[in-house]
Amino acid sequence: MAEIYYCGVCGYIYDPEKGEPRKETAPGTSFEDLDPYWRCPSCGAGKIRFRLKSR
């Protein structure tokens, strides 16, 4: 099961199983494999603002 991350600014959840169509991110793309300059599609925060969601 892939790790889910959330934006510490707005709470957006990045689920790698779903990807992110607004950013043209294909399903199955892990958070670690996202471009280093990838930004939150909701608020624009950088990857550094994301945290691992505890299960």
N, C-alpha and C. Protein backbone atom coordinates (compact mmCIF):
# COMPACT_ATOMS: atom_id res chain seq x y z
N MET A 1 0.84 -1.19 0.00
CA MET A 1 0.00 0.00 0.00
C MET A 1 0.88 1.25 0.00
N ALA A 2 0.58 2.16 -0.89
CA ALA A 2 1.38 3.37 -1.04
C ALA A 2 1.11 4.35 0.11
N GLU A 3 2.10 5.15 0.42
CA GLU A 3 1.97 6.12 1.50
C GLU A 3 1.20 7.34 1.02
N ILE A 4 0.32 7.84 1.86
CA ILE A 4 -0.51 8.99 1.56
C ILE A 4 0.06 10.20 2.29
N TYR A 5 0.14 11.31 1.58
CA TYR A 5 0.65 12.55 2.16
C TYR A 5 -0.44 13.61 2.15
N TYR A 6 -0.36 14.55 3.10
CA TYR A 6 -1.32 15.65 3.14
C TYR A 6 -0.57 16.98 3.19
N CYS A 7 -1.22 18.02 2.68
CA CYS A 7 -0.64 19.35 2.69
C CYS A 7 -0.82 19.96 4.08
N GLY A 8 0.27 20.39 4.67
CA GLY A 8 0.22 20.99 6.00
C GLY A 8 -0.38 22.38 5.99
N VAL A 9 -0.59 22.96 4.81
CA VAL A 9 -1.16 24.30 4.71
C VAL A 9 -2.68 24.24 4.61
N CYS A 10 -3.18 23.43 3.66
CA CYS A 10 -4.63 23.42 3.41
C CYS A 10 -5.31 22.09 3.69
N GLY A 11 -4.54 21.02 3.92
CA GLY A 11 -5.13 19.73 4.23
C GLY A 11 -5.40 18.83 3.04
N TYR A 12 -5.08 19.30 1.82
CA TYR A 12 -5.25 18.47 0.62
C TYR A 12 -4.53 17.14 0.81
N ILE A 13 -5.15 16.05 0.38
CA ILE A 13 -4.54 14.73 0.51
C ILE A 13 -4.11 14.23 -0.86
N TYR A 14 -2.83 13.85 -0.97
CA TYR A 14 -2.33 13.23 -2.19
C TYR A 14 -2.34 11.73 -2.00
N ASP A 15 -3.19 11.06 -2.77
CA ASP A 15 -3.30 9.61 -2.74
C ASP A 15 -2.67 9.07 -4.01
N PRO A 16 -1.52 8.41 -3.92
CA PRO A 16 -0.83 7.94 -5.11
C PRO A 16 -1.64 6.95 -5.94
N GLU A 17 -2.56 6.24 -5.33
CA GLU A 17 -3.39 5.30 -6.09
C GLU A 17 -4.32 6.04 -7.05
N LYS A 18 -4.67 7.27 -6.72
CA LYS A 18 -5.56 8.08 -7.57
C LYS A 18 -4.79 9.02 -8.48
N GLY A 19 -3.58 9.42 -8.08
CA GLY A 19 -2.85 10.43 -8.84
C GLY A 19 -3.51 11.78 -8.67
N GLU A 20 -3.25 12.70 -9.60
CA GLU A 20 -3.85 14.03 -9.53
C GLU A 20 -4.07 14.55 -10.95
N PRO A 21 -5.29 14.38 -11.47
CA PRO A 21 -5.56 14.79 -12.85
C PRO A 21 -5.36 16.28 -13.11
N ARG A 22 -5.57 17.12 -12.09
CA ARG A 22 -5.38 18.57 -12.29
C ARG A 22 -3.92 18.91 -12.57
N LYS A 23 -3.02 18.06 -12.11
CA LYS A 23 -1.59 18.25 -12.33
C LYS A 23 -1.01 17.24 -13.33
N GLU A 24 -1.92 16.51 -13.99
CA GLU A 24 -1.52 15.49 -14.96
C GLU A 24 -0.59 14.44 -14.34
N THR A 25 -0.87 14.08 -13.10
CA THR A 25 -0.11 13.07 -12.39
C THR A 25 -0.87 11.74 -12.50
N ALA A 26 -0.23 10.78 -13.10
CA ALA A 26 -0.87 9.49 -13.35
C ALA A 26 -1.10 8.70 -12.07
N PRO A 27 -2.20 7.94 -12.02
CA PRO A 27 -2.41 7.04 -10.88
C PRO A 27 -1.22 6.10 -10.74
N GLY A 28 -0.85 5.80 -9.50
CA GLY A 28 0.29 4.93 -9.25
C GLY A 28 1.60 5.68 -9.05
N THR A 29 1.58 7.01 -9.15
CA THR A 29 2.79 7.81 -8.96
C THR A 29 2.99 8.09 -7.47
N SER A 30 4.07 7.56 -6.90
CA SER A 30 4.33 7.78 -5.47
C SER A 30 4.69 9.24 -5.22
N PHE A 31 4.49 9.69 -4.00
CA PHE A 31 4.81 11.07 -3.65
C PHE A 31 6.29 11.36 -3.91
N GLU A 32 7.13 10.39 -3.59
CA GLU A 32 8.58 10.57 -3.78
C GLU A 32 8.95 10.75 -5.24
N ASP A 33 8.15 10.18 -6.14
CA ASP A 33 8.44 10.27 -7.57
C ASP A 33 7.89 11.52 -8.24
N LEU A 34 7.16 12.34 -7.49
CA LEU A 34 6.66 13.59 -8.05
C LEU A 34 7.83 14.53 -8.32
N ASP A 35 7.69 15.37 -9.31
CA ASP A 35 8.71 16.38 -9.63
C ASP A 35 9.02 17.18 -8.37
N PRO A 36 10.28 17.53 -8.13
CA PRO A 36 10.62 18.30 -6.92
C PRO A 36 9.90 19.64 -6.85
N TYR A 37 9.46 20.15 -7.99
CA TYR A 37 8.78 21.44 -8.03
C TYR A 37 7.26 21.30 -8.07
N TRP A 38 6.76 20.06 -7.89
CA TRP A 38 5.32 19.81 -7.85
C TRP A 38 4.71 20.61 -6.72
N ARG A 39 3.52 21.15 -6.94
CA ARG A 39 2.86 21.97 -5.93
C ARG A 39 1.46 21.45 -5.65
N CYS A 40 0.98 21.75 -4.47
CA CYS A 40 -0.37 21.38 -4.07
C CYS A 40 -1.37 21.98 -5.06
N PRO A 41 -2.25 21.16 -5.63
CA PRO A 41 -3.22 21.68 -6.59
C PRO A 41 -4.29 22.56 -5.95
N SER A 42 -4.42 22.52 -4.64
CA SER A 42 -5.44 23.34 -3.97
C SER A 42 -4.93 24.71 -3.54
N CYS A 43 -3.73 24.75 -2.96
CA CYS A 43 -3.24 26.04 -2.43
C CYS A 43 -1.90 26.49 -3.00
N GLY A 44 -1.21 25.61 -3.75
CA GLY A 44 0.06 26.00 -4.36
C GLY A 44 1.28 25.79 -3.48
N ALA A 45 1.12 25.19 -2.31
CA ALA A 45 2.26 24.94 -1.43
C ALA A 45 3.21 23.92 -2.06
N GLY A 46 4.50 24.06 -1.79
CA GLY A 46 5.50 23.16 -2.32
C GLY A 46 5.50 21.81 -1.60
N LYS A 47 6.20 20.84 -2.19
CA LYS A 47 6.27 19.50 -1.61
C LYS A 47 6.78 19.50 -0.18
N ILE A 48 7.62 20.45 0.15
CA ILE A 48 8.20 20.51 1.49
C ILE A 48 7.13 20.71 2.57
N ARG A 49 5.98 21.22 2.19
CA ARG A 49 4.88 21.46 3.13
C ARG A 49 4.01 20.23 3.38
N PHE A 50 4.30 19.13 2.66
CA PHE A 50 3.51 17.91 2.82
C PHE A 50 4.07 17.03 3.93
N ARG A 51 3.17 16.33 4.58
CA ARG A 51 3.52 15.43 5.69
C ARG A 51 2.91 14.07 5.42
N LEU A 52 3.56 13.05 5.92
CA LEU A 52 3.06 11.69 5.81
C LEU A 52 1.82 11.55 6.69
N LYS A 53 0.75 11.03 6.09
CA LYS A 53 -0.49 10.84 6.84
C LYS A 53 -0.38 9.56 7.65
N SER A 54 -0.65 9.65 8.95
CA SER A 54 -0.62 8.47 9.79
C SER A 54 -1.89 7.65 9.55
N ARG A 55 -1.76 6.36 9.67
CA ARG A 55 -2.90 5.48 9.40
C ARG A 55 -3.59 5.10 10.67
